Amino acid sequence: MISVIVCTYNRDKYIYQCLNQLAINITHFDWEIILVNNNSTDNTHTECERFVKDFPEINFHYFVETTPGLSYARNRGMREAHGNWFVFLDDDSMVQSDYVENLGNFLVSHPNAGAFGGAIEPFFEKESPVWLSKWSMGFVSAINLGNEVKLFPKDKYPIGANMGIARNVINQIGNFNTSLGRTKNLLLGGEEKDIFMRIHAEGYPIYYFPLIEVKHCIPPRRTTDEYIRNLGYGVGVSERLRTCSISRLVYIKRLVAECIKWVGTIILWFLYAISFQSPKGNVLVRFRYNVSKGLISGQVENNA
C-alpha cells in the first residue's frame, strides 16, 4: 500500500484543491490519504469534512497533531499510515491525475529504492519574480533534474513538497528530527536534508522520478525580500542546529563550506551584474548573507 501523507497548518485556501487533485487519480494500486492537521485555527477541518462528503469512496484518514511543527506532523502521519511507502505532499501541492499510477509503477520497477523525489514546478499566483533563476529555484521549492529516472546527486536531495520514503528505511534510521523543521511561522528547515543524509549514509538509493510531477502554489508573499531574508536565516539556524548536534568538527566543516558558497555567490552576482540582470544576483547575495548570519548566531527569530 502507498500512504500519501499531507500535513497542513492554516491552509484552508489550498487544502481542498490539494485533496481533490489526489481524489481524481485512477489507479489499480492500493493507496490511502493521511491528512494531519497540525492544530490549524482556520477552516481546515471544515474543508476536510467537505472533501469527505464529496469523495466518500476515497480511503481517507484525518488526524489532529497538537504539537506544533512539521516534523511532528510528518512523524504522526507515518505512525498512523498503513502503507509500505510514506509519500509526502505539501498542502499547496497539486498532483496530476496519473500521479499515483505512475508512482506505483515506479516503486514496482525499482524495488531497491529507499527514497525518492519528484519534479516540482512552481505555480505563481501572480507574476514570476524578476529575481528567479536556476540558482534560486530552491527558494520556491522547485526542482527539475530532467526527464529520466536517475539517482539524486550526492549534494542534492528530494524536496518535501513531493517526496517519499520506504517504511523499512524509516524503521532502520528513525523519524524526522523534531528539533528541525518549520513550526508555525518559524522558517526553520533542515529536517529533510537530515533524514536524507541518514538514508544515504545507510546505503539506500535515493531516486529522482520525473513522472510524478506536482505544481506547487507560490503566493506573492513568498517572493518578497522579507521572505527571502527569513528563509535564508532559517536555513542558517537549521544548519547550525543540525551540524552542532553531530559534533563541533562537523559544524566547523559547515562554516568552511559556507565560505566556499560565498565565493560561488559572488561570482554569480558579478556575472548577473555585467549581463544587466542584477536582481538575480542580488537575491543570491541577500539569501547567502542571511544563511551565514543564522549559521553563526544560531538565534531563533519569530517570523510571524
Protein backbone atom coordinates (compact mmCIF):
# COMPACT_ATOMS: atom_id res chain seq x y z
CA MET A 1 0.00 0.00 0.00
CA ILE A 2 1.03 3.59 -0.71
CA SER A 3 0.29 6.12 2.05
CA VAL A 4 0.09 9.70 0.80
CA ILE A 5 0.65 11.96 3.81
CA VAL A 6 -0.43 15.61 3.67
CA CYS A 7 0.47 17.76 6.66
CA THR A 8 -1.28 21.10 6.93
CA TYR A 9 -1.37 24.21 9.05
CA ASN A 10 -3.78 27.08 8.30
CA ARG A 11 -4.01 26.43 4.58
CA ASP A 12 -7.77 26.25 4.12
CA LYS A 13 -7.28 28.19 0.89
CA TYR A 14 -5.47 25.25 -0.70
CA ILE A 15 -6.24 22.05 1.17
CA TYR A 16 -9.48 21.08 -0.58
CA GLN A 17 -7.95 21.51 -4.03
CA CYS A 18 -4.88 19.53 -2.96
CA LEU A 19 -7.08 16.64 -1.79
CA ASN A 20 -9.38 16.95 -4.80
CA GLN A 21 -6.46 16.55 -7.21
CA LEU A 22 -5.45 13.39 -5.38
CA ALA A 23 -9.00 12.03 -5.37
CA ILE A 24 -9.38 12.14 -9.15
CA ASN A 25 -6.43 9.77 -9.56
CA ILE A 26 -7.38 6.45 -11.15
CA THR A 27 -5.07 3.57 -10.29
CA HIS A 28 -5.08 -0.16 -9.64
CA PHE A 29 -2.64 0.26 -6.75
CA ASP A 30 -3.82 0.10 -3.14
CA TRP A 31 -3.41 3.55 -1.57
CA GLU A 32 -4.69 5.89 1.12
CA ILE A 33 -4.58 9.56 2.07
CA ILE A 34 -3.44 10.52 5.57
CA LEU A 35 -4.28 14.14 6.46
CA VAL A 36 -2.53 15.54 9.53
CA ASN A 37 -3.97 18.84 10.75
CA ASN A 38 -1.20 20.46 12.80
CA ASN A 39 -3.62 22.33 15.09
CA SER A 40 -4.92 24.75 12.47
CA THR A 41 -7.01 27.70 13.62
CA ASP A 42 -8.72 28.38 10.28
CA ASN A 43 -11.37 26.39 8.36
CA THR A 44 -9.11 23.44 7.54
CA HIS A 45 -11.35 20.96 9.41
CA THR A 46 -14.45 22.18 7.56
CA GLU A 47 -12.69 21.88 4.20
CA CYS A 48 -11.68 18.30 5.05
CA GLU A 49 -15.27 17.47 6.00
CA ARG A 50 -16.38 18.85 2.64
CA PHE A 51 -13.86 16.61 0.91
CA VAL A 52 -15.14 13.51 2.73
CA LYS A 53 -18.71 14.33 1.65
CA ASP A 54 -17.68 14.86 -1.96
CA PHE A 55 -15.42 11.78 -2.17
CA PRO A 56 -16.77 9.13 0.24
CA GLU A 57 -15.13 6.37 -1.79
CA ILE A 58 -11.57 7.61 -1.10
CA ASN A 59 -9.56 5.82 1.60
CA PHE A 60 -9.08 8.98 3.67
CA HIS A 61 -7.95 9.30 7.30
CA TYR A 62 -7.94 12.56 9.26
CA PHE A 63 -5.85 13.28 12.37
CA VAL A 64 -5.02 16.30 14.51
CA GLU A 65 -1.46 16.67 15.79
CA THR A 66 -1.49 19.23 18.59
CA THR A 67 2.30 19.58 18.95
CA PRO A 68 3.31 22.37 16.54
CA GLY A 69 5.94 21.59 13.96
CA LEU A 70 6.12 19.98 10.54
CA SER A 71 8.42 17.22 11.77
CA TYR A 72 5.93 16.30 14.50
CA ALA A 73 3.12 16.25 11.92
CA ARG A 74 5.08 14.09 9.50
CA ASN A 75 6.04 11.66 12.24
CA ARG A 76 2.38 11.44 13.28
CA GLY A 77 1.39 10.75 9.69
CA MET A 78 3.86 7.88 9.43
CA ARG A 79 2.67 6.49 12.76
CA GLU A 80 -0.94 6.41 11.52
CA ALA A 81 -0.21 5.21 7.98
CA HIS A 82 -0.77 1.63 6.83
CA GLY A 83 1.42 1.60 3.73
CA ASN A 84 4.86 0.26 2.93
CA TRP A 85 5.67 3.65 1.44
CA PHE A 86 5.25 7.10 3.01
CA VAL A 87 4.69 9.75 0.34
CA PHE A 88 4.77 13.38 1.45
CA LEU A 89 2.99 16.23 -0.32
CA ASP A 90 2.68 19.83 0.80
CA ASP A 91 -0.83 21.12 1.42
CA ASP A 92 -0.40 23.51 -1.53
CA SER A 93 0.93 20.85 -3.94
CA MET A 94 -1.30 19.84 -6.84
CA VAL A 95 -0.73 16.44 -8.45
CA GLN A 96 -1.60 15.19 -11.92
CA SER A 97 -4.37 12.63 -12.44
CA ASP A 98 -1.81 9.87 -13.15
CA TYR A 99 0.37 10.64 -10.12
CA VAL A 100 -0.48 7.56 -8.03
CA GLU A 101 -0.41 5.19 -11.02
CA ASN A 102 2.99 6.47 -12.17
CA LEU A 103 4.28 6.30 -8.61
CA GLY A 104 3.11 2.73 -8.15
CA ASN A 105 4.74 1.66 -11.42
CA PHE A 106 8.00 3.29 -10.35
CA LEU A 107 8.00 1.52 -6.99
CA VAL A 108 7.37 -1.84 -8.67
CA SER A 109 10.19 -1.31 -11.18
CA HIS A 110 12.66 -0.03 -8.55
CA PRO A 111 12.29 -2.38 -5.57
CA ASN A 112 15.72 -1.35 -4.26
CA ALA A 113 14.67 2.28 -3.75
CA GLY A 114 14.99 3.61 -0.24
CA ALA A 115 13.51 7.02 -1.02
CA PHE A 116 12.58 9.20 -3.96
CA GLY A 117 11.71 12.71 -5.00
CA GLY A 118 9.77 14.04 -7.96
CA ALA A 119 9.71 17.12 -10.11
CA ILE A 120 8.20 20.28 -8.59
CA GLU A 121 7.07 23.14 -10.81
CA PRO A 122 6.25 26.47 -9.17
CA PHE A 123 2.83 27.94 -9.89
CA PHE A 124 2.97 31.67 -9.14
CA GLU A 125 -0.37 33.13 -8.12
CA LYS A 126 0.80 36.40 -9.61
CA GLU A 127 3.77 37.07 -11.87
CA SER A 128 7.05 35.21 -11.65
CA PRO A 129 9.60 37.23 -9.61
CA VAL A 130 12.26 39.10 -11.60
CA TRP A 131 14.98 37.53 -9.44
CA LEU A 132 14.13 33.94 -10.36
CA SER A 133 16.95 31.94 -11.94
CA LYS A 134 18.20 28.34 -11.98
CA TRP A 135 20.21 29.17 -8.86
CA SER A 136 17.25 30.49 -6.87
CA MET A 137 14.63 27.88 -7.82
CA GLY A 138 15.08 26.28 -4.42
CA PHE A 139 13.71 29.43 -2.79
CA VAL A 140 10.30 28.45 -4.21
CA SER A 141 10.80 24.70 -3.57
CA ALA A 142 11.20 23.94 -7.28
CA ILE A 143 13.25 21.09 -8.70
CA ASN A 144 13.74 19.58 -12.14
CA LEU A 145 16.57 17.14 -12.81
CA GLY A 146 15.45 16.23 -16.32
CA ASN A 147 13.19 13.66 -17.91
CA GLU A 148 15.00 10.46 -16.94
CA VAL A 149 14.87 8.36 -13.79
CA LYS A 150 18.21 8.74 -12.01
CA LEU A 151 19.84 8.70 -8.62
CA PHE A 152 19.97 12.03 -6.83
CA PRO A 153 23.45 13.58 -6.96
CA LYS A 154 25.32 13.39 -3.67
CA ASP A 155 24.81 17.11 -2.94
CA LYS A 156 21.08 17.19 -3.80
CA TYR A 157 18.05 15.76 -2.05
CA PRO A 158 14.29 15.48 -2.64
CA ILE A 159 12.12 18.41 -1.57
CA GLY A 160 9.28 17.97 0.91
CA ALA A 161 6.54 19.12 -1.45
CA ASN A 162 6.95 15.85 -3.36
CA MET A 163 8.99 13.04 -1.80
CA GLY A 164 8.71 9.55 -0.37
CA ILE A 165 10.50 7.15 1.97
CA ALA A 166 10.09 3.39 2.43
CA ARG A 167 8.67 2.22 5.75
CA ASN A 168 11.52 -0.26 6.24
CA VAL A 169 14.02 2.58 5.84
CA ILE A 170 12.27 4.69 8.48
CA ASN A 171 12.22 1.66 10.78
CA GLN A 172 16.00 1.50 10.47
CA ILE A 173 17.07 5.16 10.54
CA GLY A 174 14.32 6.70 12.69
CA ASN A 175 11.83 9.53 12.24
CA PHE A 176 12.19 13.18 11.27
CA ASN A 177 14.27 15.20 13.73
CA THR A 178 11.75 17.25 15.73
CA SER A 179 14.36 19.86 16.66
CA LEU A 180 14.39 20.80 12.96
CA GLY A 181 11.64 21.78 10.54
CA ARG A 182 9.09 24.56 10.35
CA THR A 183 6.93 25.45 13.33
CA LYS A 184 4.02 27.77 12.66
CA ASN A 185 5.69 30.96 11.41
CA LEU A 186 9.31 29.95 12.08
CA LEU A 187 11.05 29.29 8.76
CA LEU A 188 13.40 26.66 10.08
CA GLY A 189 14.20 23.65 7.95
CA GLY A 190 16.90 21.07 7.64
CA GLU A 191 14.79 18.07 8.65
CA GLU A 192 14.60 16.85 5.05
CA LYS A 193 18.33 17.19 4.46
CA ASP A 194 18.97 15.48 7.79
CA ILE A 195 16.80 12.45 7.05
CA PHE A 196 18.10 12.02 3.50
CA MET A 197 21.69 12.24 4.70
CA ARG A 198 20.90 9.44 7.16
CA ILE A 199 19.27 7.40 4.38
CA HIS A 200 22.29 7.96 2.13
CA ALA A 201 24.69 7.01 4.92
CA GLU A 202 22.94 3.64 5.24
CA GLY A 203 23.47 2.99 1.55
CA TYR A 204 19.87 3.18 0.35
CA PRO A 205 19.37 4.52 -3.21
CA ILE A 206 17.51 7.84 -3.44
CA TYR A 207 15.88 8.19 -6.86
CA TYR A 208 14.64 11.15 -8.86
CA PHE A 209 11.43 10.24 -10.68
CA PRO A 210 10.19 12.91 -13.12
CA LEU A 211 6.79 11.36 -13.91
CA ILE A 212 5.36 12.26 -10.50
CA GLU A 213 5.49 16.00 -11.06
CA VAL A 214 3.49 18.37 -8.88
CA LYS A 215 2.64 22.03 -9.22
CA HIS A 216 3.47 24.00 -6.08
CA CYS A 217 1.40 27.13 -5.40
CA ILE A 218 3.54 30.19 -4.63
CA PRO A 219 1.65 33.21 -3.21
CA PRO A 220 3.12 36.71 -3.64
CA ARG A 221 4.35 36.85 -0.02
CA ARG A 222 6.80 34.02 -0.79
CA THR A 223 8.61 36.15 -3.36
CA THR A 224 9.23 39.22 -1.17
CA ASP A 225 12.57 40.45 0.20
CA GLU A 226 11.34 39.78 3.73
CA TYR A 227 10.50 36.16 2.95
CA ILE A 228 13.90 35.55 1.33
CA ARG A 229 15.58 37.09 4.36
CA ASN A 230 13.63 34.89 6.78
CA LEU A 231 14.12 31.82 4.62
CA GLY A 232 17.88 32.29 4.46
CA TYR A 233 18.15 32.96 8.17
CA GLY A 234 16.06 29.88 8.95
CA VAL A 235 18.30 27.72 6.76
CA GLY A 236 21.35 29.03 8.61
CA VAL A 237 19.92 28.38 12.08
CA SER A 238 18.78 24.91 11.00
CA GLU A 239 22.23 24.06 9.68
CA ARG A 240 23.80 25.18 12.94
CA LEU A 241 21.37 23.01 14.93
CA ARG A 242 21.87 20.03 12.64
CA THR A 243 25.67 20.13 12.48
CA CYS A 244 26.24 21.01 16.14
CA SER A 245 24.06 18.06 17.13
CA ILE A 246 26.58 15.81 15.37
CA SER A 247 29.87 17.37 16.50
CA ARG A 248 31.77 20.64 16.66
CA LEU A 249 34.02 19.41 13.84
CA VAL A 250 31.02 18.95 11.55
CA TYR A 251 29.89 22.50 12.38
CA ILE A 252 33.34 23.87 11.55
CA LYS A 253 33.32 22.00 8.24
CA ARG A 254 29.93 23.58 7.51
CA LEU A 255 31.41 27.03 8.17
CA VAL A 256 34.19 26.27 5.69
CA ALA A 257 31.59 25.13 3.16
CA GLU A 258 29.74 28.40 3.71
CA CYS A 259 32.88 30.33 2.75
CA ILE A 260 33.10 28.34 -0.46
CA LYS A 261 29.43 29.05 -1.16
CA TRP A 262 30.18 32.75 -0.74
CA VAL A 263 32.83 32.55 -3.48
CA GLY A 264 30.31 31.00 -5.85
CA THR A 265 27.67 33.56 -4.89
CA ILE A 266 29.99 36.49 -5.59
CA ILE A 267 30.94 35.06 -8.98
CA LEU A 268 27.28 34.66 -9.91
CA TRP A 269 26.48 38.17 -8.66
CA PHE A 270 29.22 39.58 -10.91
CA LEU A 271 28.06 37.61 -13.96
CA TYR A 272 24.46 38.74 -13.49
CA ALA A 273 25.59 42.33 -12.92
CA ILE A 274 27.55 42.55 -16.19
CA SER A 275 24.63 40.96 -18.07
CA PHE A 276 22.20 43.59 -16.67
CA GLN A 277 20.29 41.05 -14.57
CA SER A 278 21.17 42.48 -11.16
CA PRO A 279 18.00 41.28 -9.34
CA LYS A 280 19.00 37.66 -9.98
CA GLY A 281 22.40 38.22 -8.42
CA ASN A 282 21.21 40.45 -5.61
CA VAL A 283 18.75 37.87 -4.27
CA LEU A 284 21.51 35.27 -4.11
CA VAL A 285 23.69 37.63 -2.05
CA ARG A 286 20.78 38.54 0.22
CA PHE A 287 19.95 34.89 0.81
CA ARG A 288 23.58 33.88 1.44
CA TYR A 289 24.11 36.76 3.87
CA ASN A 290 21.16 35.64 5.98
CA VAL A 291 22.18 31.98 5.85
CA SER A 292 25.60 32.98 7.19
CA LYS A 293 24.01 35.19 9.84
CA GLY A 294 21.82 32.33 11.09
CA LEU A 295 24.64 29.82 10.87
CA ILE A 296 26.87 31.95 13.07
CA SER A 297 24.35 33.39 15.54
CA GLY A 298 22.02 30.40 15.93
CA GLN A 299 19.34 32.68 17.44
CA VAL A 300 15.82 31.61 16.52
CA GLU A 301 13.74 34.55 15.29
CA ASN A 302 9.96 34.52 15.14
CA ASN A 303 8.96 35.48 11.60
CA ALA A 304 5.28 35.95 12.32
